[in-house]
Amino acid sequence: MGAAYFYHLTRNPLELTLPILLGKARGAGWRIAVRGRDTERMAWLDERLWLGSDESFLAHGLAGGPHDAHQPILLTTERDAANAPQCLMAMDGAEVAPDEVAALERVCVLFDGNDESAVQHARGQWKALTDGGCSAQYWSEASGRWEKKAESGG
């Protein structure tokens, strides 16, 4: 059974934090689905990831292409990802269900700590997932470095 890791973004935006987490997940050998709620936002993220340096390049694709099943990182707005991920990274309030956390190695929920509605939504997600029996960790970068601030055994 996996766990949900909540990342409270307050110092760095999603486009700087997500590639770091994607690199760590790829380093663990996982395929990843990055789930958002808006196709235009996912297209924007796709462009941002292509602009990374050669040393930190992350092979990926935007869902809907002919090679979705072969993508190590698939950007999608759908629950079912064609690349059979071991890790899900949810952004912009994308929904995550307890059964997904149980089936995956890791679920990361990234939320904008400068947006009160995003913070409230993440709190609701934490409650729903932990009430659903999932283990969860809450990580904050408020001090200038990532620190685990809370943990629930599920």
Protein backbone atom coordinates (compact mmCIF):
# COMPACT_ATOMS: atom_id res chain seq x y z
CA MET A 1 0.00 0.00 0.00
CA GLY A 2 1.33 3.41 -0.96
CA ALA A 3 1.15 6.74 0.80
CA ALA A 4 0.04 10.26 -0.05
CA TYR A 5 2.62 13.03 0.32
CA PHE A 6 1.21 16.56 0.45
CA TYR A 7 3.55 19.33 -0.71
CA HIS A 8 2.59 22.83 0.48
CA LEU A 9 4.23 25.14 -2.07
CA THR A 10 4.97 28.55 -0.57
CA ARG A 11 8.44 29.52 -1.81
CA ASN A 12 8.75 27.93 -5.23
CA PRO A 13 6.04 27.55 -7.86
CA LEU A 14 4.84 24.26 -9.28
CA GLU A 15 6.98 24.57 -12.40
CA LEU A 16 10.15 24.60 -10.26
CA THR A 17 9.11 22.02 -7.66
CA LEU A 18 7.47 19.43 -9.90
CA PRO A 19 10.58 18.65 -12.01
CA ILE A 20 12.55 17.95 -8.82
CA LEU A 21 9.92 15.51 -7.58
CA LEU A 22 9.62 13.93 -11.03
CA GLY A 23 13.37 13.39 -11.09
CA LYS A 24 13.28 11.69 -7.70
CA ALA A 25 10.40 9.44 -8.76
CA ARG A 26 12.16 8.50 -12.00
CA GLY A 27 15.28 7.81 -9.91
CA ALA A 28 13.19 5.27 -7.98
CA GLY A 29 12.37 3.62 -11.32
CA TRP A 30 8.72 4.64 -11.31
CA ARG A 31 6.47 5.59 -14.19
CA ILE A 32 4.53 8.71 -13.26
CA ALA A 33 1.17 10.22 -14.14
CA VAL A 34 0.91 13.96 -13.55
CA ARG A 35 -2.79 14.72 -13.16
CA GLY A 36 -4.26 18.17 -13.52
CA ARG A 37 -7.74 19.51 -14.03
CA ASP A 38 -7.31 21.68 -17.13
CA THR A 39 -6.02 20.58 -20.54
CA GLU A 40 -4.60 24.04 -21.31
CA ARG A 41 -2.66 24.05 -18.05
CA MET A 42 -1.30 20.57 -18.85
CA ALA A 43 -0.20 21.81 -22.30
CA TRP A 44 1.56 24.74 -20.57
CA LEU A 45 3.32 22.32 -18.22
CA ASP A 46 4.30 20.13 -21.18
CA GLU A 47 6.00 23.15 -22.77
CA ARG A 48 7.76 24.06 -19.52
CA LEU A 49 9.15 20.54 -19.14
CA TRP A 50 10.52 20.60 -22.71
CA LEU A 51 12.39 23.82 -21.90
CA GLY A 52 14.46 22.24 -19.12
CA SER A 53 18.22 21.89 -19.46
CA ASP A 54 19.73 18.88 -21.20
CA GLU A 55 21.14 17.61 -17.89
CA SER A 56 17.75 17.67 -16.18
CA PHE A 57 15.59 16.68 -19.15
CA LEU A 58 12.57 14.58 -18.20
CA ALA A 59 11.19 12.41 -21.01
CA HIS A 60 7.43 12.84 -20.98
CA GLY A 61 4.32 13.15 -23.08
CA LEU A 62 0.94 14.82 -23.06
CA ALA A 63 -1.93 12.32 -22.92
CA GLY A 64 -3.67 11.70 -26.20
CA GLY A 65 -0.59 10.83 -28.23
CA PRO A 66 0.18 7.54 -29.99
CA HIS A 67 2.86 6.55 -27.46
CA ASP A 68 1.05 7.22 -24.15
CA ALA A 69 1.61 3.67 -22.89
CA HIS A 70 5.39 4.06 -23.30
CA GLN A 71 5.76 7.44 -21.59
CA PRO A 72 7.79 7.41 -18.36
CA ILE A 73 5.90 10.58 -17.38
CA LEU A 74 2.41 11.17 -18.74
CA LEU A 75 0.61 14.49 -18.28
CA THR A 76 -3.14 13.92 -18.11
CA THR A 77 -6.47 15.17 -16.82
CA GLU A 78 -7.93 11.65 -16.65
CA ARG A 79 -8.01 9.20 -13.75
CA ASP A 80 -6.81 6.27 -15.82
CA ALA A 81 -3.32 6.84 -17.21
CA ALA A 82 -2.20 4.73 -20.17
CA ASN A 83 1.41 4.48 -18.94
CA ALA A 84 0.57 2.20 -15.96
CA PRO A 85 2.17 4.52 -13.37
CA GLN A 86 3.52 3.55 -9.98
CA CYS A 87 3.37 7.19 -8.88
CA LEU A 88 0.71 9.87 -9.30
CA MET A 89 1.44 13.57 -8.91
CA ALA A 90 -1.78 15.55 -8.56
CA MET A 91 -1.73 19.30 -9.13
CA ASP A 92 -4.20 22.17 -9.21
CA GLY A 93 -6.72 20.35 -7.04
CA ALA A 94 -6.96 17.22 -9.19
CA GLU A 95 -8.89 14.56 -7.33
CA VAL A 96 -7.23 11.51 -5.80
CA ALA A 97 -9.18 8.57 -4.39
CA PRO A 98 -8.14 6.29 -1.50
CA ASP A 99 -8.13 3.24 -3.80
CA GLU A 100 -5.52 4.97 -6.00
CA VAL A 101 -3.25 5.60 -3.02
CA ALA A 102 -3.59 1.94 -2.05
CA ALA A 103 -2.74 0.74 -5.56
CA LEU A 104 0.28 2.99 -6.20
CA GLU A 105 3.74 3.25 -4.65
CA ARG A 106 3.26 6.97 -4.01
CA VAL A 107 0.81 9.78 -4.57
CA CYS A 108 2.03 13.37 -4.36
CA VAL A 109 -0.45 16.19 -3.95
CA LEU A 110 1.10 19.56 -4.78
CA PHE A 111 -0.83 22.66 -3.81
CA ASP A 112 -0.25 26.41 -3.88
CA GLY A 113 0.13 27.63 -0.31
CA ASN A 114 -0.49 31.21 -1.45
CA ASP A 115 -4.00 30.35 -2.66
CA GLU A 116 -6.40 29.91 0.27
CA SER A 117 -8.90 27.91 -1.79
CA ALA A 118 -6.11 25.50 -2.82
CA VAL A 119 -5.08 25.12 0.83
CA GLN A 120 -8.67 24.37 1.87
CA HIS A 121 -9.05 21.86 -0.97
CA ALA A 122 -5.82 20.11 0.09
CA ARG A 123 -7.09 19.92 3.67
CA GLY A 124 -10.24 18.25 2.38
CA GLN A 125 -8.15 15.82 0.35
CA TRP A 126 -6.00 15.00 3.41
CA LYS A 127 -9.11 14.27 5.45
CA ALA A 128 -10.75 12.17 2.72
CA LEU A 129 -7.62 10.10 2.13
CA THR A 130 -6.72 9.56 5.79
CA ASP A 131 -10.38 8.80 6.63
CA GLY A 132 -10.19 6.31 3.74
CA GLY A 133 -7.35 4.47 5.49
CA CYS A 134 -4.41 5.99 3.61
CA SER A 135 -1.08 6.90 5.14
CA ALA A 136 -0.20 10.52 4.53
CA GLN A 137 2.62 12.98 5.10
CA TYR A 138 2.49 16.76 5.00
CA TRP A 139 5.61 18.58 3.76
CA SER A 140 6.19 22.33 4.00
CA GLU A 141 8.90 24.53 2.50
CA ALA A 142 8.00 27.56 4.64
CA SER A 143 11.35 27.46 6.48
CA GLY A 144 13.29 27.57 3.21
CA ARG A 145 13.80 23.81 2.96
CA TRP A 146 11.38 20.92 2.82
CA GLU A 147 10.36 19.62 6.25
CA LYS A 148 7.87 16.94 7.21
CA LYS A 149 5.34 18.69 9.48
CA ALA A 150 2.70 16.00 9.97
CA GLU A 151 2.09 12.32 9.39
CA SER A 152 -0.93 10.09 9.65
CA GLY A 153 -0.75 6.31 9.66
CA GLY A 154 -4.07 5.98 7.90
